[in-house]
């Protein structure tokens, strides 16, 4: 009697060889065949989501032999390391199929270095199956990528700043801080999982936000950029103390050649004078009005005053 060449092979191998069409097998059957060297290409898996989730790492190791993964009882959700995702991202799109509506599988990716080759972070954030992403980065890398991170805050689980310290802050604009302080920034933490330990420095803050900014311990330094009129109004009405705060490094106007107009009375205020001397950039135009003739002679060139009327 002639013996069939496949009569003693694994069920998965026998099926693959008899019909040429892959018949669905369980995750365990697929792995048994793969580990024994008997697995054919174009393997189709149909199993419970629990079995698939428990074996996802091993299944992805099957590489090009794996064609499709289907769950028999609902959408799958599992966790991948950044290295697993980077090695398998294209394969994941193949085995789970094109996303149409609610994904049949989602995954959380952990421990992704923001500087991984091939713009892996941006690719992950664009992945419709990604449920959450945890990232590690330096303060400088978070600064450089803050716009992207803020735009994808809903997908980000945590950003760990590996070199966070009071003197090594994350940089952002004043508006970005306002937009993200209650959202993304609460997920940005140091290596000890503390959000409060991560400090920020702001650029282009508006005068109207200074009192609040100066009072927040998370903000260590800032620069002010606003209209000449807003700067002048706040100097003249007593907010000069906020502009002269130790956190404020520089003050600049946004409207080119416009002048920061101050009365001579306001200019004589010691806080205003200190602000003009220590904070206002030299290319910013300050004009003092209603000065006496005697005072006018000494004002130009002092404390960034370039005009006197």
Protein backbone atom coordinates (compact mmCIF):
# COMPACT_ATOMS: atom_id res chain seq x y z
CA UNK A 1 0.00 0.00 0.00
CA UNK A 2 1.32 3.43 -0.89
CA UNK A 3 1.66 5.87 2.01
CA UNK A 4 0.60 9.52 1.52
CA UNK A 5 3.43 12.02 1.84
CA UNK A 6 1.35 14.09 4.23
CA UNK A 7 -0.41 11.45 6.31
CA UNK A 8 1.78 12.00 9.37
CA UNK A 9 2.35 15.74 9.01
CA UNK A 10 0.90 18.34 11.34
CA UNK A 11 -2.74 19.27 10.63
CA UNK A 12 -1.66 22.71 9.49
CA UNK A 13 0.96 21.35 7.10
CA UNK A 14 -1.39 18.72 5.70
CA UNK A 15 -4.08 21.29 5.00
CA UNK A 16 -1.65 23.65 3.32
CA UNK A 17 -0.38 20.90 1.05
CA UNK A 18 -3.67 19.30 0.07
CA UNK A 19 -5.63 22.23 -1.22
CA UNK A 20 -3.17 25.04 -1.86
CA UNK A 21 -5.60 27.27 0.04
CA UNK A 22 -4.72 28.08 3.62
CA UNK A 23 -7.33 26.76 6.04
CA UNK A 24 -7.59 28.72 9.31
CA UNK A 25 -5.73 27.25 12.27
CA UNK A 26 -5.43 28.28 15.90
CA UNK A 27 -2.56 30.36 17.21
CA UNK A 28 -1.11 27.33 18.98
CA UNK A 29 -1.34 25.13 15.88
CA UNK A 30 0.44 27.79 13.84
CA UNK A 31 3.20 28.14 16.40
CA UNK A 32 3.64 24.38 16.79
CA UNK A 33 4.09 24.01 13.05
CA UNK A 34 6.41 27.01 12.83
CA UNK A 35 8.59 25.84 15.74
CA UNK A 36 8.87 22.36 14.24
CA UNK A 37 9.87 23.76 10.87
CA UNK A 38 6.72 22.48 9.19
CA UNK A 39 4.90 25.78 8.69
CA UNK A 40 3.90 26.73 5.17
CA UNK A 41 3.54 30.28 3.86
CA UNK A 42 0.29 32.28 3.86
CA UNK A 43 -0.79 30.98 7.26
CA UNK A 44 -4.26 32.09 8.30
CA UNK A 45 -5.07 32.15 12.01
CA UNK A 46 -8.54 32.22 13.51
CA UNK A 47 -8.70 32.00 17.28
CA UNK A 48 -10.10 33.70 20.35
CA UNK A 49 -8.80 37.17 21.06
CA UNK A 50 -7.36 35.96 24.36
CA UNK A 51 -5.26 33.29 22.63
CA UNK A 52 -4.09 35.75 20.00
CA UNK A 53 -3.25 38.43 22.54
CA UNK A 54 -1.33 35.96 24.70
CA UNK A 55 0.74 34.78 21.73
CA UNK A 56 1.12 37.95 19.67
CA UNK A 57 4.89 38.26 20.17
CA UNK A 58 5.53 34.70 19.03
CA UNK A 59 3.10 35.03 16.13
CA UNK A 60 4.86 38.11 14.82
CA UNK A 61 8.09 36.15 14.83
CA UNK A 62 6.61 34.00 12.07
CA UNK A 63 7.26 36.90 9.73
CA UNK A 64 6.31 36.49 6.09
CA UNK A 65 4.79 33.03 6.68
CA UNK A 66 1.86 34.70 8.41
CA UNK A 67 -0.89 36.05 6.15
CA UNK A 68 -3.92 36.89 8.28
CA UNK A 69 -4.99 36.94 11.93
CA UNK A 70 -8.70 36.91 12.74
CA UNK A 71 -10.41 36.91 16.10
CA UNK A 72 -13.45 34.69 16.57
CA UNK A 73 -14.88 36.72 19.45
CA UNK A 74 -14.34 40.44 18.98
CA UNK A 75 -11.66 43.10 18.62
CA UNK A 76 -8.18 42.34 19.87
CA UNK A 77 -6.05 44.64 22.04
CA UNK A 78 -2.46 44.00 23.02
CA UNK A 79 0.81 45.68 23.96
CA UNK A 80 3.99 45.79 21.89
CA UNK A 81 7.43 47.09 22.75
CA UNK A 82 8.82 49.80 20.50
CA UNK A 83 11.30 47.33 18.98
CA UNK A 84 8.51 44.86 18.20
CA UNK A 85 6.46 47.58 16.59
CA UNK A 86 9.38 48.94 14.56
CA UNK A 87 10.18 45.45 13.26
CA UNK A 88 6.57 44.49 12.55
CA UNK A 89 4.65 47.68 11.71
CA UNK A 90 4.22 46.82 8.03
CA UNK A 91 3.38 43.23 8.85
CA UNK A 92 0.73 44.34 11.34
CA UNK A 93 -1.06 46.25 8.60
CA UNK A 94 -1.02 43.13 6.44
CA UNK A 95 -2.13 40.46 8.89
CA UNK A 96 -4.95 42.52 10.42
CA UNK A 97 -6.13 44.00 7.13
CA UNK A 98 -7.09 47.51 6.11
CA UNK A 99 -8.80 49.61 8.76
CA UNK A 100 -12.37 50.45 7.83
CA UNK A 101 -14.45 51.82 10.66
CA UNK A 102 -13.63 50.39 14.08
CA UNK A 103 -10.27 48.51 13.97
CA UNK A 104 -10.43 44.77 14.54
CA UNK A 105 -7.18 45.03 16.50
CA UNK A 106 -5.49 47.81 18.44
CA UNK A 107 -2.15 47.96 20.19
CA UNK A 108 -0.38 50.03 22.80
CA UNK A 109 3.29 50.64 22.07
CA UNK A 110 5.66 51.14 24.99
CA UNK A 111 9.17 52.49 25.42
CA UNK A 112 9.58 54.20 22.05
CA UNK A 113 12.65 56.40 21.82
CA UNK A 114 11.54 59.64 20.20
CA UNK A 115 14.75 59.53 18.14
CA UNK A 116 14.27 55.99 16.76
CA UNK A 117 15.41 55.67 13.11
CA UNK A 118 12.92 56.00 10.29
CA UNK A 119 10.68 58.52 12.07
CA UNK A 120 9.10 55.62 13.94
CA UNK A 121 7.25 57.88 16.35
CA UNK A 122 5.44 59.82 13.63
CA UNK A 123 4.60 56.59 11.82
CA UNK A 124 3.18 55.09 15.01
CA UNK A 125 1.08 58.17 15.75
CA UNK A 126 -0.37 58.00 12.24
CA UNK A 127 -1.26 54.31 12.68
CA UNK A 128 -5.05 53.98 12.98
CA UNK A 129 -4.63 50.87 15.14
CA UNK A 130 -2.47 52.59 17.75
CA UNK A 131 -4.36 52.95 21.03
CA UNK A 132 -1.57 54.57 23.04
CA UNK A 133 2.13 55.31 22.86
CA UNK A 134 4.69 55.79 25.63
CA UNK A 135 7.82 57.66 24.65
CA UNK A 136 11.28 58.28 26.11
CA UNK A 137 13.18 61.42 25.16
CA UNK A 138 15.58 64.11 26.29
CA UNK A 139 14.28 67.57 27.14
CA UNK A 140 15.79 68.88 23.90
CA UNK A 141 14.02 66.17 21.88
CA UNK A 142 10.67 66.95 23.49
CA UNK A 143 11.22 70.62 22.67
CA UNK A 144 12.02 69.84 19.04
CA UNK A 145 8.96 67.58 18.66
CA UNK A 146 6.49 69.41 20.88
CA UNK A 147 4.15 70.49 18.09
CA UNK A 148 3.79 66.87 16.91
CA UNK A 149 3.33 65.59 20.45
CA UNK A 150 0.69 68.20 21.24
CA UNK A 151 -1.24 67.42 18.05
CA UNK A 152 -1.39 63.74 19.06
CA UNK A 153 -1.89 64.14 22.80
CA UNK A 154 -4.91 61.83 22.85
CA UNK A 155 -2.78 58.89 21.69
CA UNK A 156 0.14 59.57 24.03
CA UNK A 157 0.13 57.67 27.32
CA UNK A 158 3.35 59.12 28.72
CA UNK A 159 6.51 60.95 27.71
CA UNK A 160 9.46 60.18 29.99
CA UNK A 161 12.09 62.93 29.94
CA UNK A 162 15.26 61.08 30.85
CA UNK A 163 17.34 64.17 31.68
CA UNK A 164 14.69 66.37 33.30
CA UNK A 165 15.94 68.77 35.96
CA UNK A 166 15.19 72.30 37.22
CA UNK A 167 17.97 73.62 34.96
CA UNK A 168 17.16 71.48 31.93
CA UNK A 169 13.68 72.50 30.89
CA UNK A 170 11.39 71.84 27.94
CA UNK A 171 10.95 74.83 25.65
CA UNK A 172 7.65 75.94 24.14
CA UNK A 173 5.71 79.08 23.30
CA UNK A 174 3.47 80.78 25.79
CA UNK A 175 0.43 79.79 23.71
CA UNK A 176 1.50 76.14 23.62
CA UNK A 177 1.72 76.16 27.39
CA UNK A 178 -1.79 77.56 27.67
CA UNK A 179 -3.09 74.98 25.21
CA UNK A 180 -1.39 71.91 26.75
CA UNK A 181 -0.81 72.56 30.46
CA UNK A 182 -3.95 70.61 31.42
CA UNK A 183 -3.46 67.94 28.74
CA UNK A 184 -0.18 66.77 27.24
CA UNK A 185 2.01 68.34 29.91
CA UNK A 186 0.36 66.23 32.61
CA UNK A 187 1.71 63.18 30.75
CA UNK A 188 5.27 64.50 30.47
CA UNK A 189 7.19 63.10 33.45
CA UNK A 190 10.69 62.51 34.73
CA UNK A 191 12.26 59.08 35.26
CA UNK A 192 10.58 58.90 38.68
CA UNK A 193 7.14 59.34 37.08
CA UNK A 194 6.73 62.91 38.37
CA UNK A 195 5.10 65.51 36.13
CA UNK A 196 5.86 68.37 38.52
CA UNK A 197 9.60 67.63 38.27
CA UNK A 198 9.60 68.50 34.56
CA UNK A 199 10.15 72.23 34.11
CA UNK A 200 9.39 74.41 31.10
CA UNK A 201 10.69 77.66 29.63
CA UNK A 202 8.42 79.81 27.50
CA UNK A 203 9.04 82.04 24.53
CA UNK A 204 6.79 84.75 23.15
CA UNK A 205 4.57 85.04 26.21
CA UNK A 206 1.91 87.77 26.18
CA UNK A 207 1.89 90.46 28.82
CA UNK A 208 -1.66 89.58 29.92
CA UNK A 209 -0.51 86.09 30.98
CA UNK A 210 2.53 87.15 32.96
CA UNK A 211 1.02 87.26 36.43
CA UNK A 212 -0.23 83.69 36.04
CA UNK A 213 2.98 82.45 34.41
CA UNK A 214 5.20 84.03 37.05
CA UNK A 215 3.23 82.27 39.76
CA UNK A 216 3.57 78.77 38.32
CA UNK A 217 6.42 76.69 39.72
CA UNK A 218 6.57 74.59 36.55
CA UNK A 219 7.75 77.61 34.56
CA UNK A 220 11.38 78.50 35.23
CA UNK A 221 12.02 81.16 32.59
CA UNK A 222 10.24 83.06 29.83
CA UNK A 223 10.57 85.72 27.21
CA UNK A 224 7.85 88.25 26.44
CA UNK A 225 6.81 89.28 22.95
CA UNK A 226 3.80 91.54 22.58
CA UNK A 227 2.70 94.76 20.97
CA UNK A 228 4.39 97.98 22.02
CA UNK A 229 1.03 99.29 23.21
CA UNK A 230 0.41 96.28 25.48
CA UNK A 231 3.88 96.48 26.95
CA UNK A 232 3.53 100.23 27.56
CA UNK A 233 0.05 99.91 29.06
CA UNK A 234 1.14 97.29 31.53
CA UNK A 235 4.28 99.17 32.51
CA UNK A 236 2.23 102.29 33.10
CA UNK A 237 -0.48 100.58 35.17
CA UNK A 238 1.66 98.74 37.65
CA UNK A 239 2.19 95.41 35.92
CA UNK A 240 5.79 96.45 35.62
CA UNK A 241 6.41 94.20 38.60
CA UNK A 242 5.33 91.20 36.50
CA UNK A 243 7.52 92.30 33.61
CA UNK A 244 10.46 92.74 35.97
CA UNK A 245 10.02 89.29 37.53
CA UNK A 246 13.18 87.18 37.79
CA UNK A 247 11.67 84.61 35.40
CA UNK A 248 11.40 87.16 32.60
CA UNK A 249 14.59 87.16 30.51
CA UNK A 250 13.71 89.60 27.72
CA UNK A 251 10.87 91.78 26.47
CA UNK A 252 10.42 92.54 22.79
CA UNK A 253 7.71 94.14 20.72
CA UNK A 254 5.96 92.38 17.85
CA UNK A 255 5.19 95.49 15.83
CA UNK A 256 8.51 96.56 14.40
CA UNK A 257 9.07 100.30 14.56
CA UNK A 258 6.17 101.12 16.90
CA UNK A 259 7.27 102.75 20.13
CA UNK A 260 6.69 101.78 23.74
CA UNK A 261 5.32 105.12 24.92
CA UNK A 262 5.70 105.99 28.60
CA UNK A 263 5.02 109.21 30.41
CA UNK A 264 7.94 110.69 32.29
CA UNK A 265 6.03 110.03 35.53
CA UNK A 266 5.70 106.32 34.70
CA UNK A 267 9.32 106.18 33.60
CA UNK A 268 10.48 107.47 36.97
CA UNK A 269 8.94 104.46 38.72
CA UNK A 270 11.88 102.37 39.90
CA UNK A 271 10.30 99.08 38.79
CA UNK A 272 9.62 100.46 35.31
CA UNK A 273 13.13 101.84 35.05
CA UNK A 274 14.63 98.52 36.13
CA UNK A 275 12.49 96.67 33.63
CA UNK A 276 13.60 98.93 30.80
CA UNK A 277 17.23 98.61 31.85
CA UNK A 278 17.36 94.86 32.38
CA UNK A 279 14.62 93.25 30.29
CA UNK A 280 13.80 95.31 27.20
CA UNK A 281 15.85 94.38 24.13
CA UNK A 282 18.06 97.14 22.78
CA UNK A 283 16.34 97.07 19.37
CA UNK A 284 12.97 97.79 20.96
CA UNK A 285 11.82 101.41 20.66
CA UNK A 286 11.07 103.22 23.93
CA UNK A 287 9.81 106.81 23.92
CA UNK A 288 9.36 108.97 27.01
CA UNK A 289 6.81 111.78 26.76
CA UNK A 290 6.27 114.92 28.81
CA UNK A 291 9.81 114.99 30.16
CA UNK A 292 11.25 118.22 31.39
CA UNK A 293 13.91 119.84 29.25
CA UNK A 294 16.54 119.11 31.88
CA UNK A 295 15.54 115.43 32.09
CA UNK A 296 15.30 115.03 28.34
CA UNK A 297 18.96 115.80 27.92
CA UNK A 298 19.97 112.74 29.93
CA UNK A 299 17.24 110.29 28.96
CA UNK A 300 18.25 109.28 25.43
CA UNK A 301 20.52 106.26 25.56
CA UNK A 302 19.53 105.46 29.12
CA UNK A 303 17.47 102.36 29.93
CA UNK A 304 16.81 101.69 26.23
CA UNK A 305 15.17 105.08 25.67
CA UNK A 306 15.79 106.23 22.11
CA UNK A 307 13.26 109.08 21.87
CA UNK A 308 12.07 111.86 24.16
CA UNK A 309 9.23 114.27 23.45
